[in-house]
């Protein structure tokens, strides 16, 4: 399992690292507004994690097929292959969180801005939006392939991007009671579990 997750990290495509610097650029030119709201940090983390997870599987149909043939030829079950993909997404989220956290700390030490990191409410929503987005992507990826997954999932990812911002603004206005977090986590877990189950079934039945 560990080796499969590391494989996704080590073989990340170069294009995957082009997008996060865009958020870094936005942070540096608008750090006063961004630090004032405290939302941009988590939006950047969420979208970067989704982007890195999706692009790590990038490839045309023929290359994608060869990659799957090679992985399935190894002494590992297809169940573990799918499981590693889902878990790698959370690793990408952690990497994104640490990366943008480091950028924020740099700005704090080089400017007069005060650090305004998101609270645990926002972190829960960030992980939830990321897990739901990845769940849709991998369910389609293992059933129809990478290109279909990109074209079908991207509108949802964009919706999730703006959804994160709206949810974070809602948190600032309304004190979310604990029951809401429980319901949200339950929905995210259910969607992720169903997606994982479906992805495993599709992948195990596919003739590669």
Protein backbone atom coordinates (compact mmCIF):
# COMPACT_ATOMS: atom_id res chain seq x y z
CA UNK A 1 0.00 0.00 0.00
CA UNK A 2 2.72 2.45 1.00
CA UNK A 3 4.65 1.74 -2.19
CA UNK A 4 1.56 2.33 -4.34
CA UNK A 5 0.92 5.70 -2.69
CA UNK A 6 4.58 6.68 -3.06
CA UNK A 7 4.39 5.69 -6.72
CA UNK A 8 1.68 8.32 -7.29
CA UNK A 9 3.78 10.93 -5.48
CA UNK A 10 7.04 10.12 -7.30
CA UNK A 11 5.45 9.94 -10.76
CA UNK A 12 3.50 13.19 -10.49
CA UNK A 13 3.40 14.93 -13.88
CA UNK A 14 5.26 18.22 -14.30
CA UNK A 15 2.03 19.98 -15.24
CA UNK A 16 0.69 19.11 -11.80
CA UNK A 17 3.07 21.57 -10.18
CA UNK A 18 2.21 24.46 -12.51
CA UNK A 19 -1.15 25.23 -10.94
CA UNK A 20 -0.25 25.74 -7.21
CA UNK A 21 2.18 28.60 -8.06
CA UNK A 22 -0.82 30.48 -9.48
CA UNK A 23 -2.29 30.56 -5.99
CA UNK A 24 1.09 31.61 -4.60
CA UNK A 25 1.14 34.52 -7.05
CA UNK A 26 -2.36 35.52 -5.96
CA UNK A 27 -1.31 35.36 -2.30
CA UNK A 28 1.69 37.62 -2.81
CA UNK A 29 -0.09 40.31 -4.84
CA UNK A 30 -3.21 40.33 -2.63
CA UNK A 31 -1.85 39.23 0.74
CA UNK A 32 -3.56 42.07 2.60
CA UNK A 33 -7.06 41.04 1.47
CA UNK A 34 -6.29 37.33 1.68
CA UNK A 35 -5.00 37.47 5.23
CA UNK A 36 -8.00 39.54 6.19
CA UNK A 37 -10.51 36.91 5.08
CA UNK A 38 -8.57 33.79 5.97
CA UNK A 39 -10.52 31.79 3.36
CA UNK A 40 -8.14 31.86 0.43
CA UNK A 41 -5.62 29.64 2.23
CA UNK A 42 -8.07 26.75 2.44
CA UNK A 43 -9.52 27.31 -1.02
CA UNK A 44 -5.99 27.10 -2.43
CA UNK A 45 -5.26 23.97 -0.39
CA UNK A 46 -8.49 22.26 -1.48
CA UNK A 47 -8.23 23.00 -5.18
CA UNK A 48 -4.49 22.25 -5.32
CA UNK A 49 -5.10 18.85 -3.68
CA UNK A 50 -7.82 18.01 -6.20
CA UNK A 51 -5.65 19.19 -9.08
CA UNK A 52 -2.60 17.19 -7.98
CA UNK A 53 -4.70 14.06 -7.41
CA UNK A 54 -6.31 14.28 -10.84
CA UNK A 55 -3.17 15.18 -12.79
CA UNK A 56 -1.18 12.35 -11.16
CA UNK A 57 -3.27 10.04 -13.38
CA UNK A 58 -2.83 12.16 -16.51
CA UNK A 59 -2.28 10.35 -19.79
CA UNK A 60 -3.85 9.61 -23.14
CA UNK A 61 -5.95 6.46 -23.41
CA UNK A 62 -3.13 4.24 -24.70
CA UNK A 63 -0.66 5.35 -22.03
CA UNK A 64 -3.28 5.06 -19.32
CA UNK A 65 -4.01 1.51 -20.44
CA UNK A 66 -0.31 0.58 -20.39
CA UNK A 67 0.05 1.99 -16.90
CA UNK A 68 -2.89 -0.04 -15.65
CA UNK A 69 -1.53 -3.19 -17.30
CA UNK A 70 1.82 -2.69 -15.62
CA UNK A 71 0.33 -2.03 -12.16
CA UNK A 72 -2.03 -5.00 -12.38
CA UNK A 73 0.88 -7.25 -13.38
CA UNK A 74 2.50 -6.62 -10.00
CA UNK A 75 1.78 -8.88 -7.00
CA UNK A 76 -0.96 -6.61 -5.66
CA UNK A 77 -4.74 -6.85 -5.78
CA UNK A 78 -6.83 -4.39 -7.75
CA UNK A 79 -8.62 -3.54 -4.53
CA UNK A 80 -5.32 -2.25 -3.09
CA UNK A 81 -4.60 -0.27 -6.26
CA UNK A 82 -7.90 1.58 -5.99
CA UNK A 83 -7.48 2.07 -2.26
CA UNK A 84 -4.03 3.61 -2.75
CA UNK A 85 -5.45 6.13 -5.24
CA UNK A 86 -8.03 7.36 -2.75
CA UNK A 87 -5.53 7.53 0.11
CA UNK A 88 -2.99 9.37 -2.05
CA UNK A 89 -5.53 12.18 -2.48
CA UNK A 90 -5.45 12.86 1.26
CA UNK A 91 -1.65 12.83 1.14
CA UNK A 92 -1.81 15.48 -1.59
CA UNK A 93 -4.15 17.51 0.63
CA UNK A 94 -1.64 17.33 3.48
CA UNK A 95 1.20 18.37 1.18
CA UNK A 96 -0.86 21.29 -0.15
CA UNK A 97 -1.78 22.37 3.38
CA UNK A 98 1.88 22.37 4.48
CA UNK A 99 2.99 24.13 1.29
CA UNK A 100 0.55 27.03 1.57
CA UNK A 101 1.09 27.15 5.32
CA UNK A 102 4.80 27.66 4.67
CA UNK A 103 4.02 30.43 2.16
CA UNK A 104 1.74 32.14 4.67
CA UNK A 105 4.40 31.99 7.41
CA UNK A 106 6.94 33.48 5.01
CA UNK A 107 4.61 36.39 4.33
CA UNK A 108 4.04 36.91 8.06
CA UNK A 109 7.78 37.21 8.67
CA UNK A 110 8.40 39.47 5.67
CA UNK A 111 5.38 41.80 5.97
CA UNK A 112 3.32 43.45 8.68
CA UNK A 113 0.40 41.07 8.13
CA UNK A 114 -0.87 38.86 10.96
CA UNK A 115 -1.41 35.15 10.36
CA UNK A 116 -5.08 34.24 9.98
CA UNK A 117 -5.32 30.51 9.38
CA UNK A 118 -8.66 28.67 9.00
CA UNK A 119 -10.29 26.96 11.97
CA UNK A 120 -11.18 23.28 12.24
CA UNK A 121 -14.69 23.92 10.88
CA UNK A 122 -13.20 25.09 7.59
CA UNK A 123 -10.71 22.22 7.51
CA UNK A 124 -13.57 19.72 7.79
CA UNK A 125 -15.36 21.31 4.83
CA UNK A 126 -12.14 21.43 2.83
CA UNK A 127 -11.48 17.72 3.32
CA UNK A 128 -15.12 16.97 2.56
CA UNK A 129 -15.19 18.88 -0.72
CA UNK A 130 -11.91 17.26 -1.73
CA UNK A 131 -13.06 13.73 -0.90
CA UNK A 132 -16.37 14.17 -2.76
CA UNK A 133 -14.63 15.58 -5.84
CA UNK A 134 -12.06 12.78 -5.88
CA UNK A 135 -14.80 10.20 -5.34
CA UNK A 136 -16.57 11.29 -8.52
CA UNK A 137 -13.30 11.37 -10.44
CA UNK A 138 -12.03 7.90 -9.49
CA UNK A 139 -15.41 6.23 -9.93
CA UNK A 140 -15.45 7.44 -13.54
CA UNK A 141 -11.70 6.92 -13.99
CA UNK A 142 -11.81 3.21 -13.16
CA UNK A 143 -14.99 2.63 -15.16
CA UNK A 144 -14.60 4.81 -18.27
CA UNK A 145 -10.97 6.00 -18.26
CA UNK A 146 -9.05 9.19 -17.60
CA UNK A 147 -10.38 11.40 -20.39
CA UNK A 148 -14.01 10.67 -19.55
CA UNK A 149 -13.28 11.28 -15.87
CA UNK A 150 -11.75 14.68 -16.63
CA UNK A 151 -14.55 15.93 -18.89
CA UNK A 152 -17.32 14.70 -16.60
CA UNK A 153 -15.74 15.61 -13.27
CA UNK A 154 -14.21 19.01 -14.06
CA UNK A 155 -17.53 20.93 -13.92
CA UNK A 156 -18.16 19.38 -10.50
CA UNK A 157 -14.65 20.31 -9.36
CA UNK A 158 -15.24 23.91 -10.42
CA UNK A 159 -18.54 23.86 -8.55
CA UNK A 160 -16.71 22.45 -5.54
CA UNK A 161 -14.18 25.28 -5.76
CA UNK A 162 -16.86 27.94 -5.51
CA UNK A 163 -18.78 25.76 -3.08
CA UNK A 164 -15.83 25.86 -0.67
CA UNK A 165 -15.85 29.65 -0.75
CA UNK A 166 -19.59 29.83 -0.13
CA UNK A 167 -19.39 27.33 2.72
CA UNK A 168 -16.53 29.22 4.34
CA UNK A 169 -18.47 32.47 4.11
CA UNK A 170 -21.45 30.72 5.67
CA UNK A 171 -19.28 29.59 8.56
CA UNK A 172 -18.26 33.20 9.20
CA UNK A 173 -21.89 34.33 9.37
CA UNK A 174 -23.55 31.40 11.12
CA UNK A 175 -22.23 29.35 14.02
CA UNK A 176 -22.60 25.83 12.66
CA UNK A 177 -23.89 23.49 15.38
CA UNK A 178 -22.12 20.17 15.95
CA UNK A 179 -24.90 18.15 14.35
CA UNK A 180 -24.22 19.84 11.00
CA UNK A 181 -20.61 18.66 11.04
CA UNK A 182 -21.73 15.13 11.83
CA UNK A 183 -24.23 15.13 8.96
CA UNK A 184 -21.68 16.60 6.55
CA UNK A 185 -19.04 14.04 7.51
CA UNK A 186 -21.58 11.23 7.22
CA UNK A 187 -22.56 12.36 3.71
CA UNK A 188 -18.91 12.63 2.66
CA UNK A 189 -18.13 9.20 4.08
CA UNK A 190 -21.15 7.66 2.34
CA UNK A 191 -20.29 9.17 -1.04
CA UNK A 192 -16.63 8.17 -0.73
CA UNK A 193 -17.51 4.63 0.40
CA UNK A 194 -19.98 4.13 -2.46
CA UNK A 195 -17.49 5.54 -4.94
CA UNK A 196 -14.73 3.28 -3.66
CA UNK A 197 -16.99 0.24 -3.78
CA UNK A 198 -18.07 1.05 -7.33
CA UNK A 199 -14.53 1.79 -8.51
CA UNK A 200 -13.28 -1.54 -7.15
CA UNK A 201 -16.12 -3.45 -8.82
CA UNK A 202 -15.55 -1.75 -12.18
CA UNK A 203 -11.78 -2.23 -12.04
CA UNK A 204 -11.95 -5.89 -10.99
CA UNK A 205 -14.32 -6.71 -13.86
CA UNK A 206 -12.37 -4.77 -16.48
CA UNK A 207 -10.26 -6.79 -18.92
CA UNK A 208 -6.96 -4.95 -19.23
